N, C-alpha and C. Protein backbone atom coordinates (compact mmCIF):
# COMPACT_ATOMS: atom_id res chain seq x y z
N MET A 1 3.25 -2.17 22.54
CA MET A 1 2.05 -2.62 21.88
C MET A 1 2.42 -3.52 20.71
N GLU A 2 1.78 -4.63 20.64
CA GLU A 2 1.99 -5.55 19.53
C GLU A 2 0.72 -5.55 18.69
N GLN A 3 0.91 -5.46 17.38
CA GLN A 3 -0.24 -5.50 16.48
C GLN A 3 0.02 -6.55 15.42
N VAL A 4 -0.93 -7.40 15.18
CA VAL A 4 -0.83 -8.43 14.16
C VAL A 4 -1.56 -7.93 12.92
N ILE A 5 -0.88 -7.97 11.78
CA ILE A 5 -1.49 -7.56 10.52
C ILE A 5 -1.57 -8.79 9.62
N ILE A 6 -2.78 -9.19 9.31
CA ILE A 6 -3.01 -10.35 8.45
C ILE A 6 -2.92 -9.89 7.00
N THR A 7 -2.10 -10.58 6.21
CA THR A 7 -1.97 -10.26 4.80
C THR A 7 -2.56 -11.39 3.96
N PRO A 8 -3.23 -11.05 2.87
CA PRO A 8 -3.73 -12.10 1.98
C PRO A 8 -2.56 -12.87 1.39
N ASP A 9 -2.63 -14.19 1.38
CA ASP A 9 -1.56 -15.01 0.81
C ASP A 9 -1.40 -14.70 -0.67
N TYR A 10 -0.14 -14.65 -1.11
CA TYR A 10 0.14 -14.46 -2.53
C TYR A 10 -0.07 -15.79 -3.25
N ARG A 11 -0.88 -15.74 -4.29
CA ARG A 11 -1.13 -16.92 -5.13
C ARG A 11 -0.82 -16.52 -6.57
N PRO A 12 0.24 -17.06 -7.14
CA PRO A 12 0.67 -16.63 -8.48
C PRO A 12 -0.44 -16.66 -9.53
N ASN A 13 -1.34 -17.64 -9.46
CA ASN A 13 -2.39 -17.73 -10.48
C ASN A 13 -3.52 -16.71 -10.26
N GLU A 14 -3.57 -16.07 -9.08
CA GLU A 14 -4.59 -15.07 -8.80
C GLU A 14 -4.02 -13.66 -8.74
N GLY A 15 -2.71 -13.53 -8.66
CA GLY A 15 -2.09 -12.22 -8.55
C GLY A 15 -2.16 -11.68 -7.13
N LEU A 16 -1.80 -10.43 -6.98
CA LEU A 16 -1.81 -9.80 -5.67
C LEU A 16 -3.24 -9.47 -5.24
N ARG A 17 -3.51 -9.64 -3.97
CA ARG A 17 -4.81 -9.27 -3.41
C ARG A 17 -4.55 -8.32 -2.25
N PHE A 18 -5.25 -7.19 -2.26
CA PHE A 18 -5.06 -6.19 -1.23
C PHE A 18 -6.37 -5.98 -0.49
N SER A 19 -6.27 -5.73 0.80
CA SER A 19 -7.47 -5.44 1.58
C SER A 19 -7.25 -4.18 2.40
N TRP A 20 -8.36 -3.50 2.67
CA TRP A 20 -8.34 -2.23 3.37
C TRP A 20 -9.05 -2.35 4.70
N ASP A 21 -8.56 -1.65 5.71
CA ASP A 21 -9.28 -1.54 6.97
C ASP A 21 -10.42 -0.55 6.78
N GLU A 22 -11.55 -0.84 7.41
CA GLU A 22 -12.71 0.03 7.30
C GLU A 22 -12.39 1.42 7.85
N GLY A 23 -12.81 2.43 7.11
CA GLY A 23 -12.63 3.80 7.56
C GLY A 23 -11.26 4.39 7.25
N PHE A 24 -10.47 3.74 6.39
CA PHE A 24 -9.13 4.25 6.10
C PHE A 24 -9.19 5.63 5.44
N GLU A 25 -8.22 6.46 5.80
CA GLU A 25 -8.05 7.76 5.17
C GLU A 25 -6.56 7.98 4.95
N ILE A 26 -6.20 8.31 3.72
CA ILE A 26 -4.80 8.54 3.37
C ILE A 26 -4.73 9.76 2.48
N THR A 27 -3.81 10.67 2.79
CA THR A 27 -3.56 11.81 1.94
C THR A 27 -2.08 11.81 1.55
N VAL A 28 -1.80 12.22 0.32
CA VAL A 28 -0.43 12.28 -0.18
C VAL A 28 -0.23 13.64 -0.82
N SER A 29 0.90 14.27 -0.50
CA SER A 29 1.27 15.51 -1.16
C SER A 29 2.76 15.46 -1.46
N ALA A 30 3.17 16.20 -2.47
CA ALA A 30 4.57 16.19 -2.87
C ALA A 30 5.01 17.60 -3.24
N THR A 31 6.27 17.88 -2.89
CA THR A 31 6.92 19.10 -3.33
C THR A 31 8.17 18.67 -4.08
N ARG A 32 9.00 19.62 -4.42
CA ARG A 32 10.25 19.26 -5.12
C ARG A 32 11.17 18.42 -4.25
N SER A 33 11.07 18.57 -2.93
CA SER A 33 12.02 17.89 -2.06
C SER A 33 11.41 16.91 -1.05
N GLU A 34 10.07 16.82 -1.01
CA GLU A 34 9.44 15.96 -0.01
C GLU A 34 8.17 15.31 -0.54
N VAL A 35 7.93 14.12 -0.03
CA VAL A 35 6.63 13.46 -0.21
C VAL A 35 6.09 13.25 1.18
N LEU A 36 4.86 13.70 1.41
CA LEU A 36 4.22 13.56 2.71
C LEU A 36 3.04 12.62 2.58
N ILE A 37 3.04 11.56 3.39
CA ILE A 37 1.93 10.63 3.46
C ILE A 37 1.34 10.76 4.85
N LYS A 38 0.08 11.16 4.92
CA LYS A 38 -0.63 11.28 6.20
C LYS A 38 -1.79 10.31 6.17
N ALA A 39 -2.02 9.64 7.30
CA ALA A 39 -3.10 8.66 7.34
C ALA A 39 -3.60 8.48 8.77
N ASN A 40 -4.87 8.09 8.88
CA ASN A 40 -5.39 7.71 10.18
C ASN A 40 -4.92 6.28 10.49
N ARG A 41 -5.28 5.78 11.65
CA ARG A 41 -4.82 4.45 12.06
C ARG A 41 -5.19 3.37 11.03
N ALA A 42 -6.42 3.39 10.54
CA ALA A 42 -6.85 2.40 9.54
C ALA A 42 -6.06 2.55 8.25
N GLY A 43 -5.74 3.78 7.87
CA GLY A 43 -4.95 4.01 6.67
C GLY A 43 -3.52 3.52 6.81
N LEU A 44 -2.91 3.78 7.97
CA LEU A 44 -1.54 3.31 8.21
C LEU A 44 -1.48 1.79 8.22
N THR A 45 -2.45 1.16 8.87
CA THR A 45 -2.48 -0.31 8.91
C THR A 45 -2.69 -0.88 7.51
N SER A 46 -3.55 -0.26 6.73
CA SER A 46 -3.77 -0.71 5.35
C SER A 46 -2.51 -0.58 4.52
N LEU A 47 -1.80 0.55 4.64
CA LEU A 47 -0.54 0.72 3.90
C LEU A 47 0.49 -0.32 4.33
N ALA A 48 0.57 -0.59 5.63
CA ALA A 48 1.51 -1.61 6.12
C ALA A 48 1.16 -2.97 5.53
N ARG A 49 -0.13 -3.29 5.47
CA ARG A 49 -0.56 -4.58 4.89
C ARG A 49 -0.18 -4.65 3.41
N HIS A 50 -0.36 -3.55 2.68
CA HIS A 50 0.01 -3.54 1.25
C HIS A 50 1.50 -3.79 1.08
N LEU A 51 2.31 -3.13 1.91
CA LEU A 51 3.77 -3.32 1.82
C LEU A 51 4.15 -4.76 2.18
N LEU A 52 3.54 -5.32 3.22
CA LEU A 52 3.82 -6.71 3.59
C LEU A 52 3.37 -7.68 2.51
N THR A 53 2.27 -7.37 1.84
CA THR A 53 1.81 -8.20 0.72
C THR A 53 2.85 -8.20 -0.39
N LEU A 54 3.39 -7.04 -0.72
CA LEU A 54 4.42 -6.96 -1.76
C LEU A 54 5.71 -7.65 -1.36
N ALA A 55 5.98 -7.73 -0.05
CA ALA A 55 7.22 -8.33 0.45
C ALA A 55 7.17 -9.86 0.53
N GLN A 56 6.02 -10.46 0.27
CA GLN A 56 5.89 -11.91 0.39
C GLN A 56 6.80 -12.66 -0.59
N GLU A 57 7.20 -13.83 -0.17
CA GLU A 57 7.98 -14.74 -1.02
C GLU A 57 7.20 -15.04 -2.30
N GLY A 58 7.88 -15.00 -3.43
CA GLY A 58 7.26 -15.34 -4.70
C GLY A 58 6.70 -14.16 -5.48
N VAL A 59 6.57 -12.99 -4.83
CA VAL A 59 6.08 -11.81 -5.54
C VAL A 59 7.19 -11.32 -6.46
N SER A 60 6.88 -11.14 -7.72
CA SER A 60 7.88 -10.77 -8.73
C SER A 60 8.26 -9.30 -8.65
N ASN A 61 9.49 -9.01 -9.04
CA ASN A 61 9.94 -7.63 -9.15
C ASN A 61 9.02 -6.89 -10.11
N GLY A 62 8.72 -5.65 -9.79
CA GLY A 62 7.86 -4.84 -10.64
C GLY A 62 6.39 -4.92 -10.29
N MET A 63 5.98 -5.93 -9.50
CA MET A 63 4.58 -5.97 -9.08
C MET A 63 4.34 -4.78 -8.16
N HIS A 64 3.13 -4.24 -8.21
CA HIS A 64 2.88 -3.01 -7.47
C HIS A 64 1.41 -2.85 -7.12
N VAL A 65 1.17 -1.93 -6.21
CA VAL A 65 -0.18 -1.45 -5.93
C VAL A 65 -0.20 0.01 -6.33
N HIS A 66 -1.21 0.37 -7.09
CA HIS A 66 -1.34 1.72 -7.61
C HIS A 66 -2.51 2.37 -6.89
N LEU A 67 -2.20 3.35 -6.05
CA LEU A 67 -3.23 4.07 -5.30
C LEU A 67 -3.56 5.34 -6.07
N THR A 68 -4.77 5.42 -6.55
CA THR A 68 -5.18 6.47 -7.46
C THR A 68 -5.68 7.71 -6.72
N ALA A 69 -5.23 8.86 -7.19
CA ALA A 69 -5.63 10.14 -6.60
C ALA A 69 -7.14 10.28 -6.63
N ASP A 70 -7.69 10.75 -5.52
CA ASP A 70 -9.12 10.99 -5.34
C ASP A 70 -9.98 9.73 -5.47
N GLN A 71 -9.35 8.55 -5.39
CA GLN A 71 -10.09 7.31 -5.28
C GLN A 71 -9.68 6.63 -3.97
N GLU A 72 -8.53 5.93 -3.99
CA GLU A 72 -8.06 5.32 -2.74
C GLU A 72 -7.42 6.34 -1.80
N ILE A 73 -6.84 7.38 -2.37
CA ILE A 73 -6.15 8.39 -1.56
C ILE A 73 -6.64 9.78 -1.91
N GLU A 74 -6.57 10.68 -0.93
CA GLU A 74 -6.87 12.09 -1.17
C GLU A 74 -5.56 12.74 -1.61
N SER A 75 -5.50 13.11 -2.88
CA SER A 75 -4.25 13.62 -3.42
C SER A 75 -4.48 14.17 -4.82
N GLU A 76 -3.53 14.94 -5.29
CA GLU A 76 -3.53 15.38 -6.68
C GLU A 76 -2.64 14.47 -7.53
N ILE A 77 -1.90 13.58 -6.86
CA ILE A 77 -1.01 12.65 -7.57
C ILE A 77 -1.29 11.23 -7.11
N ASP A 78 -0.97 10.25 -7.95
CA ASP A 78 -1.09 8.84 -7.59
C ASP A 78 0.11 8.43 -6.75
N LEU A 79 -0.06 7.38 -5.96
CA LEU A 79 1.03 6.81 -5.19
C LEU A 79 1.18 5.35 -5.62
N ILE A 80 2.38 4.98 -6.01
CA ILE A 80 2.66 3.61 -6.45
C ILE A 80 3.68 2.99 -5.51
N LEU A 81 3.33 1.82 -4.97
CA LEU A 81 4.23 1.04 -4.13
C LEU A 81 4.65 -0.16 -4.97
N GLU A 82 5.96 -0.29 -5.25
CA GLU A 82 6.43 -1.31 -6.18
C GLU A 82 7.53 -2.16 -5.58
N ARG A 83 7.47 -3.46 -5.86
CA ARG A 83 8.50 -4.41 -5.43
C ARG A 83 9.69 -4.28 -6.37
N MET A 84 10.90 -4.22 -5.78
CA MET A 84 12.12 -4.18 -6.58
C MET A 84 13.01 -5.37 -6.21
N ALA A 85 14.04 -5.59 -6.97
CA ALA A 85 14.94 -6.73 -6.74
C ALA A 85 15.61 -6.61 -5.38
N ASP A 86 15.82 -7.77 -4.75
CA ASP A 86 16.53 -7.81 -3.45
C ASP A 86 18.00 -7.53 -3.65
């Protein structure tokens, strides 16, 4: 199966732009030794799009998407996806 995921183009003067698939559901839980991310198909595709957005050419180190507990994700903790140096 091939799936095409369209990512919003990075524009330095506008910053990062993220989009969500309709009906996304994401849950995050953490223990001392594990982080578990569970998601439906729309949630997994949305997370993949966010990661691909951060991976685009020109995105600066430290730029991130902050997924807030009980807003974007069902969780007691926030989830942060951050770009680091190559």
